[in-house]
Amino acid sequence: MKTEIDLYVIDKVREYRLKADHTQESLSYTLGYSRTFISNFENGSKKYNINQLNKIARVLKCSPKDFLPQDPL
């Protein structure tokens, strides 16, 4: 079950992915994963872990903290 923070992080990763002009597939491949890696998160079947967020932040040229809310939810 996804929590409010899980959904927030998923939305933020999607937002930064789109700003960087990456498709789900292109970001997945750039990260070295299968083509469905990002779609599994965005469709709600998986939750990101901190290591994945760090790797995504490197590719999207942002900070992992950009995917987290400023204040607790």
Protein backbone atom coordinates (compact mmCIF):
# COMPACT_ATOMS: atom_id res chain seq x y z
CA MET A 1 0.00 0.00 0.00
CA LYS A 2 1.33 3.42 -0.97
CA THR A 3 1.54 6.08 1.70
CA GLU A 4 1.17 9.81 1.15
CA ILE A 5 4.96 10.22 1.15
CA ASP A 6 5.37 7.39 -1.40
CA LEU A 7 2.93 9.09 -3.75
CA TYR A 8 4.62 12.46 -3.26
CA VAL A 9 8.04 11.01 -4.15
CA ILE A 10 6.66 9.22 -7.21
CA ASP A 11 5.05 12.47 -8.43
CA LYS A 12 8.26 14.45 -7.86
CA VAL A 13 10.41 11.94 -9.73
CA ARG A 14 7.90 12.06 -12.60
CA GLU A 15 7.97 15.89 -12.57
CA TYR A 16 11.79 16.00 -12.73
CA ARG A 17 11.86 13.22 -15.35
CA LEU A 18 9.52 15.18 -17.60
CA LYS A 19 11.45 18.44 -17.09
CA ALA A 20 14.58 16.58 -18.22
CA ASP A 21 12.69 15.34 -21.28
CA HIS A 22 13.08 11.66 -20.38
CA THR A 23 10.48 9.03 -21.14
CA GLN A 24 9.99 6.26 -18.61
CA GLU A 25 11.88 3.96 -20.93
CA SER A 26 14.81 6.31 -21.59
CA LEU A 27 15.34 6.99 -17.89
CA SER A 28 15.14 3.26 -17.12
CA TYR A 29 17.79 2.46 -19.73
CA THR A 30 20.01 5.37 -18.63
CA LEU A 31 19.90 3.99 -15.09
CA GLY A 32 20.87 0.54 -16.38
CA TYR A 33 17.53 -1.13 -15.70
CA SER A 34 14.91 -2.83 -17.86
CA ARG A 35 12.60 -0.61 -19.91
CA THR A 36 9.76 -1.03 -17.41
CA PHE A 37 11.72 -0.03 -14.29
CA ILE A 38 10.33 3.52 -13.96
CA SER A 39 6.83 2.57 -15.11
CA ASN A 40 6.64 0.07 -12.23
CA PHE A 41 6.95 2.98 -9.80
CA GLU A 42 4.76 5.42 -11.67
CA ASN A 43 1.94 2.90 -12.03
CA GLY A 44 2.07 2.24 -8.29
CA SER A 45 3.37 -1.32 -8.18
CA LYS A 46 6.71 -0.45 -6.50
CA LYS A 47 8.19 2.04 -4.02
CA TYR A 48 11.51 3.83 -4.53
CA ASN A 49 14.31 3.26 -2.06
CA ILE A 50 16.93 5.86 -1.16
CA ASN A 51 19.63 4.27 -3.35
CA GLN A 52 17.34 4.37 -6.39
CA LEU A 53 16.44 8.00 -5.69
CA ASN A 54 20.12 8.88 -5.42
CA LYS A 55 20.87 7.23 -8.77
CA ILE A 56 17.89 8.97 -10.41
CA ALA A 57 18.98 12.33 -8.98
CA ARG A 58 22.44 11.86 -10.50
CA VAL A 59 20.94 11.27 -13.95
CA LEU A 60 18.40 14.10 -13.66
CA LYS A 61 21.07 16.46 -12.27
CA CYS A 62 19.27 17.31 -9.07
CA SER A 63 19.48 16.41 -5.40
CA PRO A 64 17.72 13.39 -3.91
CA LYS A 65 16.15 15.82 -1.44
CA ASP A 66 14.33 17.44 -4.38
CA PHE A 67 12.07 14.39 -4.40
CA LEU A 68 11.04 14.88 -0.76
CA PRO A 69 8.61 17.41 0.74
CA GLN A 70 10.07 20.31 2.70
CA ASP A 71 7.73 19.60 5.62
CA PRO A 72 6.49 16.26 6.94
CA LEU A 73 3.24 15.05 5.40
